[in-house]
Every structure is written in C-alpha cells, then in structure tokens.
PDB file of N, CA and C in Angstrom:
ATOM      1  N   MET A   1      18.509 176.387 106.305  1.00  0.00           N
ATOM      2  CA  MET A   1      19.315 175.210 106.152  1.00  0.00           C
ATOM      3  C   MET A   1      18.449 174.002 106.473  1.00  0.00           C
ATOM      4  N   SER A   2      18.616 173.006 105.701  1.00  0.00           N
ATOM      5  CA  SER A   2      17.842 171.788 105.864  1.00  0.00           C
ATOM      6  C   SER A   2      18.275 171.029 107.119  1.00  0.00           C
ATOM      7  N   PRO A   3      17.321 170.549 107.892  1.00  0.00           N
ATOM      8  CA  PRO A   3      17.682 169.723 109.052  1.00  0.00           C
ATOM      9  C   PRO A   3      18.452 168.465 108.650  1.00  0.00           C
ATOM     10  N   ASP A   4      18.261 167.997 107.423  1.00  0.00           N
ATOM     11  CA  ASP A   4      18.980 166.809 106.958  1.00  0.00           C
ATOM     12  C   ASP A   4      20.485 167.069 106.876  1.00  0.00           C
ATOM     13  N   VAL A   5      20.868 168.299 106.504  1.00  0.00           N
ATOM     14  CA  VAL A   5      22.294 168.648 106.439  1.00  0.00           C
ATOM     15  C   VAL A   5      22.895 168.613 107.843  1.00  0.00           C
ATOM     16  N   ILE A   6      22.176 169.173 108.800  1.00  0.00           N
ATOM     17  CA  ILE A   6      22.668 169.191 110.178  1.00  0.00           C
ATOM     18  C   ILE A   6      22.746 167.768 110.724  1.00  0.00           C
ATOM     19  N   ARG A   7      21.700 166.981 110.481  1.00  0.00           N
ATOM     20  CA  ARG A   7      21.689 165.593 110.955  1.00  0.00           C
ATOM     21  C   ARG A   7      22.849 164.801 110.352  1.00  0.00           C
ATOM     22  N   SER A   8      23.107 164.999 109.058  1.00  0.00           N
ATOM     23  CA  SER A   8      24.217 164.293 108.403  1.00  0.00           C
ATOM     24  C   SER A   8      25.559 164.664 109.029  1.00  0.00           C
ATOM     25  N   ALA A   9      25.709 165.930 109.387  1.00  0.00           N
ATOM     26  CA  ALA A   9      26.964 166.356 110.024  1.00  0.00           C
ATOM     27  C   ALA A   9      27.089 165.766 111.420  1.00  0.00           C
ATOM     28  N   LEU A  10      25.999 165.783 112.195  1.00  0.00           N
ATOM     29  CA  LEU A  10      26.056 165.261 113.555  1.00  0.00           C
ATOM     30  C   LEU A  10      26.292 163.758 113.587  1.00  0.00           C
ATOM     31  N   LEU A  11      25.908 163.063 112.533  1.00  0.00           N
ATOM     32  CA  LEU A  11      26.144 161.627 112.435  1.00  0.00           C
ATOM     33  C   LEU A  11      27.457 161.315 111.718  1.00  0.00           C
ATOM     34  N   PHE A  12      28.239 162.351 111.398  1.00  0.00           N
ATOM     35  CA  PHE A  12      29.522 162.230 110.701  1.00  0.00           C
ATOM     36  C   PHE A  12      29.374 161.540 109.347  1.00  0.00           C
ATOM     37  N   GLU A  13      28.261 161.806 108.678  1.00  0.00           N
ATOM     38  CA  GLU A  13      28.044 161.253 107.344  1.00  0.00           C
ATOM     39  C   GLU A  13      28.493 162.206 106.249  1.00  0.00           C
ATOM     40  N   ASP A  14      28.527 163.518 106.577  1.00  0.00           N
ATOM     41  CA  ASP A  14      28.877 164.529 105.592  1.00  0.00           C
ATOM     42  C   ASP A  14      29.716 165.603 106.283  1.00  0.00           C
ATOM     43  N   SER A  15      30.749 166.066 105.604  1.00  0.00           N
ATOM     44  CA  SER A  15      31.653 167.043 106.221  1.00  0.00           C
ATOM     45  C   SER A  15      31.331 168.482 105.827  1.00  0.00           C
ATOM     46  N   TYR A  16      30.279 168.705 105.056  1.00  0.00           N
ATOM     47  CA  TYR A  16      29.968 170.049 104.562  1.00  0.00           C
ATOM     48  C   TYR A  16      29.885 171.063 105.698  1.00  0.00           C
ATOM     49  N   LEU A  17      29.140 170.758 106.733  1.00  0.00           N
ATOM     50  CA  LEU A  17      28.923 171.706 107.817  1.00  0.00           C
ATOM     51  C   LEU A  17      30.224 172.015 108.562  1.00  0.00           C
ATOM     52  N   PHE A  18      31.044 170.993 108.767  1.00  0.00           N
ATOM     53  CA  PHE A  18      32.321 171.215 109.453  1.00  0.00           C
ATOM     54  C   PHE A  18      33.262 172.074 108.606  1.00  0.00           C
ATOM     55  N   LEU A  19      33.280 171.849 107.308  1.00  0.00           N
ATOM     56  CA  LEU A  19      34.099 172.674 106.418  1.00  0.00           C
ATOM     57  C   LEU A  19      33.582 174.112 106.389  1.00  0.00           C
ATOM     58  N   PHE A  20      32.275 174.262 106.443  1.00  0.00           N
ATOM     59  CA  PHE A  20      31.662 175.584 106.484  1.00  0.00           C
ATOM     60  C   PHE A  20      32.097 176.322 107.747  1.00  0.00           C
ATOM     61  N   PHE A  21      32.030 175.639 108.896  1.00  0.00           N
ATOM     62  CA  PHE A  21      32.459 176.244 110.160  1.00  0.00           C
ATOM     63  C   PHE A  21      33.944 176.563 110.140  1.00  0.00           C
ATOM     64  N   ALA A  22      34.746 175.652 109.600  1.00  0.00           N
ATOM     65  CA  ALA A  22      36.191 175.879 109.550  1.00  0.00           C
ATOM     66  C   ALA A  22      36.519 177.101 108.698  1.00  0.00           C
ATOM     67  N   SER A  23      35.815 177.281 107.591  1.00  0.00           N
ATOM     68  CA  SER A  23      36.070 178.460 106.757  1.00  0.00           C
ATOM     69  C   SER A  23      35.657 179.737 107.482  1.00  0.00           C
ATOM     70  N   ALA A  24      34.586 179.677 108.267  1.00  0.00           N
ATOM     71  CA  ALA A  24      34.157 180.854 109.036  1.00  0.00           C
ATOM     72  C   ALA A  24      35.184 181.201 110.118  1.00  0.00           C
ATOM     73  N   VAL A  25      35.687 180.187 110.813  1.00  0.00           N
ATOM     74  CA  VAL A  25      36.699 180.419 111.851  1.00  0.00           C
ATOM     75  C   VAL A  25      37.971 180.965 111.218  1.00  0.00           C
ATOM     76  N   GLY A  26      38.385 180.408 110.092  1.00  0.00           N
ATOM     77  CA  GLY A  26      39.586 180.893 109.408  1.00  0.00           C
ATOM     78  C   GLY A  26      39.451 182.334 108.949  1.00  0.00           C
ATOM     79  N   THR A  27      38.304 182.665 108.371  1.00  0.00           N
ATOM     80  CA  THR A  27      38.066 184.034 107.910  1.00  0.00           C
ATOM     81  C   THR A  27      38.055 185.016 109.081  1.00  0.00           C
ATOM     82  N   ALA A  28      37.373 184.647 110.168  1.00  0.00           N
ATOM     83  CA  ALA A  28      37.318 185.519 111.343  1.00  0.00           C
ATOM     84  C   ALA A  28      38.704 185.680 111.970  1.00  0.00           C
ATOM     85  N   SER A  29      39.465 184.594 112.033  1.00  0.00           N
ATOM     86  CA  SER A  29      40.809 184.670 112.616  1.00  0.00           C
ATOM     87  C   SER A  29      41.705 185.597 111.810  1.00  0.00           C
ATOM     88  N   LEU A  30      41.667 185.458 110.509  1.00  0.00           N
ATOM     89  CA  LEU A  30      42.466 186.332 109.652  1.00  0.00           C
ATOM     90  C   LEU A  30      42.033 187.791 109.800  1.00  0.00           C
ATOM     91  N   GLY A  31      40.735 188.033 109.800  1.00  0.00           N
ATOM     92  CA  GLY A  31      40.234 189.402 109.942  1.00  0.00           C
ATOM     93  C   GLY A  31      40.621 190.020 111.274  1.00  0.00           C
ATOM     94  N   LEU A  32      40.490 189.255 112.357  1.00  0.00           N
ATOM     95  CA  LEU A  32      40.867 189.781 113.670  1.00  0.00           C
ATOM     96  C   LEU A  32      42.369 190.004 113.781  1.00  0.00           C
ATOM     97  N   TRP A  33      43.147 189.112 113.187  1.00  0.00           N
ATOM     98  CA  TRP A  33      44.601 189.292 113.187  1.00  0.00           C
ATOM     99  C   TRP A  33      44.964 190.591 112.470  1.00  0.00           C
ATOM    100  N   LEU A  34      44.339 190.840 111.313  1.00  0.00           N
ATOM    101  CA  LEU A  34      44.610 192.070 110.571  1.00  0.00           C
ATOM    102  C   LEU A  34      44.181 193.302 111.366  1.00  0.00           C
ATOM    103  N   LEU A  35      43.017 193.238 112.012  1.00  0.00           N
ATOM    104  CA  LEU A  35      42.547 194.378 112.812  1.00  0.00           C
ATOM    105  C   LEU A  35      43.459 194.631 114.005  1.00  0.00           C
ATOM    106  N   ARG A  36      43.913 193.581 114.659  1.00  0.00           N
ATOM    107  CA  ARG A  36      44.838 193.757 115.785  1.00  0.00           C
ATOM    108  C   ARG A  36      46.159 194.345 115.326  1.00  0.00           C
ATOM    109  N   ARG A  37      46.655 193.853 114.209  1.00  0.00           N
ATOM    110  CA  ARG A  37      47.923 194.340 113.675  1.00  0.00           C
ATOM    111  C   ARG A  37      47.834 195.816 113.293  1.00  0.00           C
ATOM    112  N   ALA A  38      46.672 196.232 112.796  1.00  0.00           N
ATOM    113  CA  ALA A  38      46.466 197.633 112.417  1.00  0.00           C
ATOM    114  C   ALA A  38      46.157 198.513 113.622  1.00  0.00           C
ATOM    115  N   GLY A  39      46.007 197.920 114.809  1.00  0.00           N
ATOM    116  CA  GLY A  39      45.713 198.700 116.004  1.00  0.00           C
ATOM    117  C   GLY A  39      44.270 199.130 116.105  1.00  0.00           C
ATOM    118  N   ARG A  40      43.383 198.483 115.378  1.00  0.00           N
ATOM    119  CA  ARG A  40      41.968 198.863 115.379  1.00  0.00           C
ATOM    120  C   ARG A  40      41.191 198.206 116.513  1.00  0.00           C
ATOM    121  N   VAL A  41      41.667 197.084 117.001  1.00  0.00           N
ATOM    122  CA  VAL A  41      41.026 196.415 118.134  1.00  0.00           C
ATOM    123  C   VAL A  41      42.105 195.976 119.113  1.00  0.00           C
ATOM    124  N   ALA A  42      41.731 195.925 120.375  1.00  0.00           N
ATOM    125  CA  ALA A  42      42.649 195.451 121.403  1.00  0.00           C
ATOM    126  C   ALA A  42      41.827 194.811 122.508  1.00  0.00           C
ATOM    127  N   TRP A  43      42.229 193.652 122.930  1.00  0.00           N
ATOM    128  CA  TRP A  43      41.580 192.976 124.034  1.00  0.00           C
ATOM    129  C   TRP A  43      42.574 192.010 124.649  1.00  0.00           C
ATOM    130  N   THR A  44      42.228 191.560 125.828  1.00  0.00           N
ATOM    131  CA  THR A  44      43.075 190.575 126.481  1.00  0.00           C
ATOM    132  C   THR A  44      42.324 189.245 126.495  1.00  0.00           C
ATOM    133  N   PRO A  45      42.964 188.199 125.991  1.00  0.00           N
ATOM    134  CA  PRO A  45      42.297 186.887 126.000  1.00  0.00           C
ATOM    135  C   PRO A  45      42.033 186.414 127.426  1.00  0.00           C
ATOM    136  N   GLN A  46      40.930 185.719 127.618  1.00  0.00           N
ATOM    137  CA  GLN A  46      40.588 185.176 128.923  1.00  0.00           C
ATOM    138  C   GLN A  46      40.469 183.663 128.824  1.00  0.00           C
ATOM    139  N   ARG A  47      40.760 183.008 129.916  1.00  0.00           N
ATOM    140  CA  ARG A  47      40.609 181.558 129.963  1.00  0.00           C
ATOM    141  C   ARG A  47      39.120 181.209 130.010  1.00  0.00           C
ATOM    142  N   PRO A  48      38.727 180.137 129.356  1.00  0.00           N
ATOM    143  CA  PRO A  48      37.325 179.705 129.445  1.00  0.00           C
ATOM    144  C   PRO A  48      36.954 179.382 130.894  1.00  0.00           C
ATOM    145  N   GLU A  49      35.755 179.751 131.261  1.00  0.00           N
ATOM    146  CA  GLU A  49      35.259 179.493 132.609  1.00  0.00           C
ATOM    147  C   GLU A  49      34.171 178.432 132.550  1.00  0.00           C
ATOM    148  N   ARG A  50      33.730 177.992 133.710  1.00  0.00           N
ATOM    149  CA  ARG A  50      32.705 176.951 133.771  1.00  0.00           C
ATOM    150  C   ARG A  50      31.432 177.371 133.044  1.00  0.00           C
ATOM    151  N   ARG A  51      31.042 178.627 133.155  1.00  0.00           N
ATOM    152  CA  ARG A  51      29.811 179.098 132.503  1.00  0.00           C
ATOM    153  C   ARG A  51      29.910 178.991 130.988  1.00  0.00           C
ATOM    154  N   HIS A  52      31.104 179.166 130.433  1.00  0.00           N
ATOM    155  CA  HIS A  52      31.279 179.027 128.991  1.00  0.00           C
ATOM    156  C   HIS A  52      31.060 177.576 128.563  1.00  0.00           C
ATOM    157  N   LEU A  53      31.645 176.666 129.330  1.00  0.00           N
ATOM    158  CA  LEU A  53      31.509 175.245 129.010  1.00  0.00           C
ATOM    159  C   LEU A  53      30.069 174.776 129.183  1.00  0.00           C
ATOM    160  N   THR A  54      29.398 175.254 130.240  1.00  0.00           N
ATOM    161  CA  THR A  54      28.001 174.895 130.459  1.00  0.00           C
ATOM    162  C   THR A  54      27.131 175.410 129.322  1.00  0.00           C
ATOM    163  N   GLY A  55      27.330 176.651 128.930  1.00  0.00           N
ATOM    164  CA  GLY A  55      26.560 177.224 127.829  1.00  0.00           C
ATOM    165  C   GLY A  55      26.789 176.490 126.523  1.00  0.00           C
ATOM    166  N   ALA A  56      28.039 176.128 126.256  1.00  0.00           N
ATOM    167  CA  ALA A  56      28.350 175.391 125.032  1.00  0.00           C
ATOM    168  C   ALA A  56      27.694 174.016 125.053  1.00  0.00           C
ATOM    169  N   LEU A  57      27.682 173.369 126.212  1.00  0.00           N
ATOM    170  CA  LEU A  57      27.068 172.050 126.342  1.00  0.00           C
ATOM    171  C   LEU A  57      25.558 172.126 126.114  1.00  0.00           C
ATOM    172  N   VAL A  58      24.906 173.090 126.741  1.00  0.00           N
ATOM    173  CA  VAL A  58      23.451 173.247 126.569  1.00  0.00           C
ATOM    174  C   VAL A  58      23.126 173.578 125.116  1.00  0.00           C
ATOM    175  N   PHE A  59      23.882 174.479 124.524  1.00  0.00           N
ATOM    176  CA  PHE A  59      23.661 174.849 123.119  1.00  0.00           C
ATOM    177  C   PHE A  59      23.844 173.636 122.209  1.00  0.00           C
ATOM    178  N   GLY A  60      24.928 172.887 122.423  1.00  0.00           N
ATOM    179  CA  GLY A  60      25.200 171.722 121.592  1.00  0.00           C
ATOM    180  C   GLY A  60      24.149 170.632 121.733  1.00  0.00           C
ATOM    181  N   LEU A  61      23.714 170.384 122.965  1.00  0.00           N
ATOM    182  CA  LEU A  61      22.658 169.390 123.163  1.00  0.00           C
ATOM    183  C   LEU A  61      21.358 169.818 122.485  1.00  0.00           C
ATOM    184  N   GLY A  62      21.008 171.089 122.636  1.00  0.00           N
ATOM    185  CA  GLY A  62      19.797 171.593 121.989  1.00  0.00           C
ATOM    186  C   GLY A  62      19.883 171.490 120.478  1.00  0.00           C
ATOM    187  N   TRP A  63      21.050 171.781 119.961  1.00  0.00           N
ATOM    188  CA  TRP A  63      21.260 171.702 118.518  1.00  0.00           C
ATOM    189  C   TRP A  63      21.148 170.258 118.034  1.00  0.00           C
ATOM    190  N   GLY A  64      21.755 169.347 118.778  1.00  0.00           N
ATOM    191  CA  GLY A  64      21.714 167.947 118.395  1.00  0.00           C
ATOM    192  C   GLY A  64      20.320 167.349 118.479  1.00  0.00           C
ATOM    193  N   VAL A  65      19.574 167.707 119.521  1.00  0.00           N
ATOM    194  CA  VAL A  65      18.225 167.164 119.692  1.00  0.00           C
ATOM    195  C   VAL A  65      17.264 167.718 118.654  1.00  0.00           C
ATOM    196  N   SER A  66      17.376 169.016 118.368  1.00  0.00           N
ATOM    197  CA  SER A  66      16.413 169.660 117.469  1.00  0.00           C
ATOM    198  C   SER A  66      16.847 169.655 116.007  1.00  0.00           C
ATOM    199  N   ASN A  67      18.102 169.294 115.740  1.00  0.00           N
ATOM    200  CA  ASN A  67      18.653 169.372 114.376  1.00  0.00           C
ATOM    201  C   ASN A  67      18.592 170.789 113.816  1.00  0.00           C
ATOM    202  N   ALA A  68      18.718 171.771 114.685  1.00  0.00           N
ATOM    203  CA  ALA A  68      18.684 173.164 114.225  1.00  0.00           C
ATOM    204  C   ALA A  68      19.406 174.057 115.214  1.00  0.00           C
ATOM    205  N   CYS A  69      20.162 175.015 114.694  1.00  0.00           N
ATOM    206  CA  CYS A  69      20.685 176.067 115.553  1.00  0.00           C
ATOM    207  C   CYS A  69      19.629 177.173 115.561  1.00  0.00           C
ATOM    208  N   PRO A  70      19.747 178.149 116.430  1.00  0.00           N
ATOM    209  CA  PRO A  70      18.699 179.165 116.524  1.00  0.00           C
ATOM    210  C   PRO A  70      18.471 179.968 115.242  1.00  0.00           C
ATOM    211  N   GLY A  71      19.489 180.108 114.405  1.00  0.00           N
ATOM    212  CA  GLY A  71      19.368 180.942 113.208  1.00  0.00           C
ATOM    213  C   GLY A  71      18.241 180.560 112.256  1.00  0.00           C
ATOM    214  N   PRO A  72      18.177 179.314 111.800  1.00  0.00           N
ATOM    215  CA  PRO A  72      17.191 178.976 110.777  1.00  0.00           C
ATOM    216  C   PRO A  72      15.821 178.558 111.292  1.00  0.00           C
ATOM    217  N   ILE A  73      15.502 178.821 112.547  1.00  0.00           N
ATOM    218  CA  ILE A  73      14.189 178.405 113.050  1.00  0.00           C
ATOM    219  C   ILE A  73      13.071 179.058 112.243  1.00  0.00           C
ATOM    220  N   ALA A  74      13.195 180.346 111.954  1.00  0.00           N
ATOM    221  CA  ALA A  74      12.149 181.029 111.167  1.00  0.00           C
ATOM    222  C   ALA A  74      12.036 180.419 109.775  1.00  0.00           C
ATOM    223  N   THR A  75      13.174 180.054 109.199  1.00  0.00           N
ATOM    224  CA  THR A  75      13.149 179.419 107.879  1.00  0.00           C
ATOM    225  C   THR A  75      12.451 178.076 107.944  1.00  0.00           C
ATOM    226  N   GLN A  76      12.747 177.305 108.977  1.00  0.00           N
ATOM    227  CA  GLN A  76      12.096 176.004 109.115  1.00  0.00           C
ATOM    228  C   GLN A  76      10.593 176.161 109.329  1.00  0.00           C
ATOM    229  N   LEU A  77      10.202 177.159 110.100  1.00  0.00           N
ATOM    230  CA  LEU A  77       8.766 177.415 110.263  1.00  0.00           C
ATOM    231  C   LEU A  77       8.131 177.753 108.916  1.00  0.00           C
ATOM    232  N   GLY A  78       8.819 178.576 108.144  1.00  0.00           N
ATOM    233  CA  GLY A  78       8.309 178.956 106.827  1.00  0.00           C
ATOM    234  C   GLY A  78       8.233 177.781 105.869  1.00  0.00           C
ATOM    235  N   GLN A  79       9.124 176.799 106.040  1.00  0.00           N
ATOM    236  CA  GLN A  79       9.107 175.600 105.200  1.00  0.00           C
ATOM    237  C   GLN A  79       8.054 174.605 105.651  1.00  0.00           C
ATOM    238  N   GLY A  80       7.433 174.874 106.802  1.00  0.00           N
ATOM    239  CA  GLY A  80       6.421 173.959 107.310  1.00  0.00           C
ATOM    240  C   GLY A  80       6.986 172.783 108.080  1.00  0.00           C
ATOM    241  N   ILE A  81       8.218 172.895 108.569  1.00  0.00           N
ATOM    242  CA  ILE A  81       8.822 171.828 109.372  1.00  0.00           C
ATOM    243  C   ILE A  81       8.252 171.943 110.781  1.00  0.00           C
ATOM    244  N   GLY A  82       7.421 170.976 111.143  1.00  0.00           N
ATOM    245  CA  GLY A  82       6.634 171.058 112.369  1.00  0.00           C
ATOM    246  C   GLY A  82       7.423 171.171 113.648  1.00  0.00           C
ATOM    247  N   TRP A  83       8.534 170.425 113.767  1.00  0.00           N
ATOM    248  CA  TRP A  83       9.246 170.451 115.038  1.00  0.00           C
ATOM    249  C   TRP A  83       9.949 171.783 115.285  1.00  0.00           C
ATOM    250  N   ALA A  84       9.969 172.675 114.292  1.00  0.00           N
ATOM    251  CA  ALA A  84      10.554 173.998 114.509  1.00  0.00           C
ATOM    252  C   ALA A  84       9.770 174.778 115.558  1.00  0.00           C
ATOM    253  N   VAL A  85       8.485 174.460 115.710  1.00  0.00           N
ATOM    254  CA  VAL A  85       7.676 175.109 116.748  1.00  0.00           C
ATOM    255  C   VAL A  85       8.250 174.767 118.123  1.00  0.00           C
ATOM    256  N   TRP A  86       8.629 173.498 118.329  1.00  0.00           N
ATOM    257  CA  TRP A  86       9.198 173.076 119.608  1.00  0.00           C
ATOM    258  C   TRP A  86      10.594 173.662 119.804  1.00  0.00           C
ATOM    259  N   THR A  87      11.338 173.777 118.730  1.00  0.00           N
ATOM    260  CA  THR A  87      12.661 174.394 118.832  1.00  0.00           C
ATOM    261  C   THR A  87      12.529 175.854 119.248  1.00  0.00           C
ATOM    262  N   LEU A  88      11.600 176.571 118.622  1.00  0.00           N
ATOM    263  CA  LEU A  88      11.352 177.966 118.984  1.00  0.00           C
ATOM    264  C   LEU A  88      10.892 178.070 120.434  1.00  0.00           C
ATOM    265  N   ALA A  89      10.024 177.162 120.849  1.00  0.00           N
ATOM    266  CA  ALA A  89       9.566 177.171 122.244  1.00  0.00           C
ATOM    267  C   ALA A  89      10.743 176.956 123.191  1.00  0.00           C
ATOM    268  N   GLY A  90      11.664 176.060 122.835  1.00  0.00           N
ATOM    269  CA  GLY A  90      12.842 175.831 123.668  1.00  0.00           C
ATOM    270  C   GLY A  90      13.736 177.057 123.757  1.00  0.00           C
ATOM    271  N   VAL A  91      13.910 177.749 122.640  1.00  0.00           N
ATOM    272  CA  VAL A  91      14.719 178.974 122.635  1.00  0.00           C
ATOM    273  C   VAL A  91      14.075 180.032 123.525  1.00  0.00           C
ATOM    274  N   LEU A  92      12.767 180.232 123.364  1.00  0.00           N
ATOM    275  CA  LEU A  92      12.068 181.238 124.165  1.00  0.00           C
ATOM    276  C   LEU A  92      12.096 180.889 125.649  1.00  0.00           C
ATOM    277  N   LEU A  93      11.947 179.600 125.968  1.00  0.00           N
ATOM    278  CA  LEU A  93      12.026 179.177 127.362  1.00  0.00           C
ATOM    279  C   LEU A  93      13.429 179.426 127.924  1.00  0.00           C
ATOM    280  N   GLY A  94      14.446 179.113 127.145  1.00  0.00           N
ATOM    281  CA  GLY A  94      15.810 179.353 127.590  1.00  0.00           C
ATOM    282  C   GLY A  94      16.093 180.825 127.838  1.00  0.00           C
ATOM    283  N   VAL A  95      15.635 181.685 126.956  1.00  0.00           N
ATOM    284  CA  VAL A  95      15.820 183.131 127.141  1.00  0.00           C
ATOM    285  C   VAL A  95      15.072 183.603 128.382  1.00  0.00           C
ATOM    286  N   TYR A  96      13.845 183.120 128.556  1.00  0.00           N
ATOM    287  CA  TYR A  96      13.042 183.497 129.725  1.00  0.00           C
ATOM    288  C   TYR A  96      13.736 183.082 131.021  1.00  0.00           C
ATOM    289  N   LEU A  97      14.215 181.830 131.071  1.00  0.00           N
ATOM    290  CA  LEU A  97      14.891 181.358 132.278  1.00  0.00           C
ATOM    291  C   LEU A  97      16.175 182.132 132.536  1.00  0.00           C
ATOM    292  N   PHE A  98      16.904 182.469 131.484  1.00  0.00           N
ATOM    293  CA  PHE A  98      18.126 183.260 131.651  1.00  0.00           C
ATOM    294  C   PHE A  98      17.805 184.641 132.220  1.00  0.00           C
ATOM    295  N   LEU A  99      16.762 185.276 131.699  1.00  0.00           N
ATOM    296  CA  LEU A  99      16.415 186.621 132.163  1.00  0.00           C
ATOM    297  C   LEU A  99      15.860 186.622 133.584  1.00  0.00           C
ATOM    298  N   ARG A 100      15.331 185.516 134.040  1.00  0.00           N
ATOM    299  CA  ARG A 100      14.802 185.424 135.404  1.00  0.00           C
ATOM    300  C   ARG A 100      15.893 185.263 136.444  1.00  0.00           C
ATOM    301  N   ARG A 101      17.087 184.909 136.013  1.00  0.00           N
ATOM    302  CA  ARG A 101      18.187 184.750 136.968  1.00  0.00           C
ATOM    303  C   ARG A 101      18.418 186.045 137.707  1.00  0.00           C
ATOM    304  N   SER A 102      18.777 185.934 138.956  1.00  0.00           N
ATOM    305  CA  SER A 102      19.045 187.148 139.732  1.00  0.00           C
ATOM    306  C   SER A 102      20.517 187.525 139.684  1.00  0.00           C
ATOM    307  N   ASP A 103      21.346 186.635 139.150  1.00  0.00           N
ATOM    308  CA  ASP A 103      22.781 186.921 139.079  1.00  0.00           C
ATOM    309  C   ASP A 103      23.049 187.996 138.035  1.00  0.00           C
ATOM    310  N   GLU A 104      23.967 188.872 138.370  1.00  0.00           N
ATOM    311  CA  GLU A 104      24.430 189.860 137.395  1.00  0.00           C
ATOM    312  C   GLU A 104      25.413 189.165 136.475  1.00  0.00           C
ATOM    313  N   THR A 105      25.289 189.413 135.201  1.00  0.00           N
ATOM    314  CA  THR A 105      26.264 188.870 134.273  1.00  0.00           C
ATOM    315  C   THR A 105      27.205 189.980 133.854  1.00  0.00           C
ATOM    316  N   GLU A 106      28.372 189.582 133.431  1.00  0.00           N
ATOM    317  CA  GLU A 106      29.327 190.587 132.983  1.00  0.00           C
ATOM    318  C   GLU A 106      28.933 191.043 131.578  1.00  0.00           C
ATOM    319  N   PRO A 107      29.280 192.260 131.209  1.00  0.00           N
ATOM    320  CA  PRO A 107      28.938 192.727 129.865  1.00  0.00           C
ATOM    321  C   PRO A 107      29.662 191.906 128.801  1.00  0.00           C
ATOM    322  N   ALA A 108      29.065 191.849 127.630  1.00  0.00           N
ATOM    323  CA  ALA A 108      29.651 191.079 126.538  1.00  0.00           C
ATOM    324  C   ALA A 108      30.945 191.705 126.031  1.00  0.00           C
ATOM    325  N   CYS A 109      31.121 192.991 126.256  1.00  0.00           N
ATOM    326  CA  CYS A 109      32.340 193.653 125.811  1.00  0.00           C
ATOM    327  C   CYS A 109      32.708 194.738 126.817  1.00  0.00           C
ATOM    328  N   ASP A 110      33.917 195.219 126.694  1.00  0.00           N
ATOM    329  CA  ASP A 110      34.361 196.292 127.566  1.00  0.00           C
ATOM    330  C   ASP A 110      33.637 197.576 127.198  1.00  0.00           C
ATOM    331  N   PRO A 111      33.361 198.437 128.197  1.00  0.00           N
ATOM    332  CA  PRO A 111      32.724 199.703 127.870  1.00  0.00           C
ATOM    333  C   PRO A 111      33.670 200.568 127.036  1.00  0.00           C
ATOM    334  N   PRO A 112      33.118 201.437 126.196  1.00  0.00           N
ATOM    335  CA  PRO A 112      33.991 202.295 125.395  1.00  0.00           C
ATOM    336  C   PRO A 112      34.775 203.243 126.293  1.00  0.00           C
ATOM    337  N   PRO A 113      35.986 203.589 125.896  1.00  0.00           N
ATOM    338  CA  PRO A 113      36.783 204.496 126.725  1.00  0.00           C
ATOM    339  C   PRO A 113      36.147 205.876 126.770  1.00  0.00           C
ATOM    340  N   ARG A 114      36.274 206.513 127.919  1.00  0.00           N
ATOM    341  CA  ARG A 114      35.725 207.864 128.056  1.00  0.00           C
ATOM    342  C   ARG A 114      36.594 208.849 127.314  1.00  0.00           C
ATOM    343  N   GLN A 115      35.951 209.744 126.643  1.00  0.00           N
ATOM    344  CA  GLN A 115      36.667 210.794 125.927  1.00  0.00           C
ATOM    345  C   GLN A 115      36.860 211.966 126.880  1.00  0.00           C
ATOM    346  N   LEU A 116      38.100 212.359 127.079  1.00  0.00           N
ATOM    347  CA  LEU A 116      38.380 213.517 127.912  1.00  0.00           C
ATOM    348  C   LEU A 116      38.269 214.760 127.047  1.00  0.00           C
ATOM    349  N   THR A 117      37.419 215.654 127.470  1.00  0.00           N
ATOM    350  CA  THR A 117      37.249 216.890 126.704  1.00  0.00           C
ATOM    351  C   THR A 117      37.633 218.062 127.590  1.00  0.00           C
ATOM    352  N   ARG A 118      38.220 219.046 126.963  1.00  0.00           N
ATOM    353  CA  ARG A 118      38.589 220.270 127.679  1.00  0.00           C
ATOM    354  C   ARG A 118      37.568 221.343 127.354  1.00  0.00           C
ATOM    355  N   ARG A 119      37.203 222.038 128.360  1.00  0.00           N
ATOM    356  CA  ARG A 119      36.310 223.165 128.112  1.00  0.00           C
ATOM    357  C   ARG A 119      37.157 224.375 127.768  1.00  0.00           C
ATOM    358  N   ARG A 120      36.779 224.987 126.713  1.00  0.00           N
ATOM    359  CA  ARG A 120      37.478 226.213 126.335  1.00  0.00           C
ATOM    360  C   ARG A 120      36.716 227.403 126.893  1.00  0.00           C
ATOM    361  N   SER A 121      37.475 228.303 127.433  1.00  0.00           N
ATOM    362  CA  SER A 121      36.803 229.481 127.966  1.00  0.00           C
ATOM    363  C   SER A 121      36.445 230.402 126.818  1.00  0.00           C
ATOM    364  N   VAL A 122      35.250 230.907 126.906  1.00  0.00           N
ATOM    365  CA  VAL A 122      34.771 231.811 125.881  1.00  0.00           C
ATOM    366  C   VAL A 122      35.294 233.203 126.208  1.00  0.00           C
ATOM    367  N   ALA A 123      35.777 233.897 125.198  1.00  0.00           N
ATOM    368  CA  ALA A 123      36.333 235.229 125.417  1.00  0.00           C
ATOM    369  C   ALA A 123      35.286 236.127 126.068  1.00  0.00           C
ATOM    370  N   GLY A 124      35.671 236.793 127.114  1.00  0.00           N
ATOM    371  CA  GLY A 124      34.794 237.719 127.801  1.00  0.00           C
ATOM    372  C   GLY A 124      34.026 237.068 128.942  1.00  0.00           C
ATOM    373  N   ALA A 125      34.072 235.731 129.017  1.00  0.00           N
ATOM    374  CA  ALA A 125      33.347 235.062 130.108  1.00  0.00           C
ATOM    375  C   ALA A 125      34.336 234.777 131.218  1.00  0.00           C
ATOM    376  N   ALA A 126      33.892 234.877 132.437  1.00  0.00           N
ATOM    377  CA  ALA A 126      34.785 234.650 133.574  1.00  0.00           C
ATOM    378  C   ALA A 126      34.770 233.238 134.007  1.00  0.00           C
TER     379      ALA A 126
END
C-alpha cells in the first residue's frame, strides 16, 4: 500500500482507507455472528483494560509517524521507500522491548478444552 494513501486518510483527505476498514469490521462481525449462532465459537467479552488502550495508542502513533502499518513494510522496502528501514527498525525494537519484559502476559486465547478419554480394558488383560 502506498504511504500516500495512508497519509491522505490520516489527514482526512480521502475516505478509502476508512471504508476499507469498515468493510473488514462488517465482514468479520457478520462471520463471527454466524459462527456463534452455529455454536462453532464461544467466548465471553471482556472490558478493555489499560494495556489495550496503551497498545492501541502506541500502534496508532507509530502508524501516523511512519505512514505505514506493520503489514506493508516489506512491500515498501521492495519499492525502495527509504523510511521503511526506520519503520522496520521501530517494529523490531518494539518486539525486542516487549520480549524483554519480565511480566507474564495472558495468552491470546483460551487453551483448548481437554478431551476426556476412557481406557478400554483389553480382553484377557487384568
């Protein structure tokens, strides 16, 4: 994705990116609603916590400053967009700092349920 498209959206000059995001949210919402209705997924909604807001703020600031989300950094490097090197460095630094934290984080999803299995006795075995 061109950095010009992102810059235009952040300056409220073009609505393409916002419409793109809205269609993604709508599609995901419909899909999750259908999966929940079919009993294929189940979860309990949680209230946003401070860490969610902090992460969103850092992500948004990084996106606004670099004119890129993490996805197209490789594409920008391939296009020869020089500042993509700094964006990649920022992503790698952020991952490094996150991994250095000593705090335990909660898993991204619930562990799968344990399957209860019964052992069948083999004929002739005690």
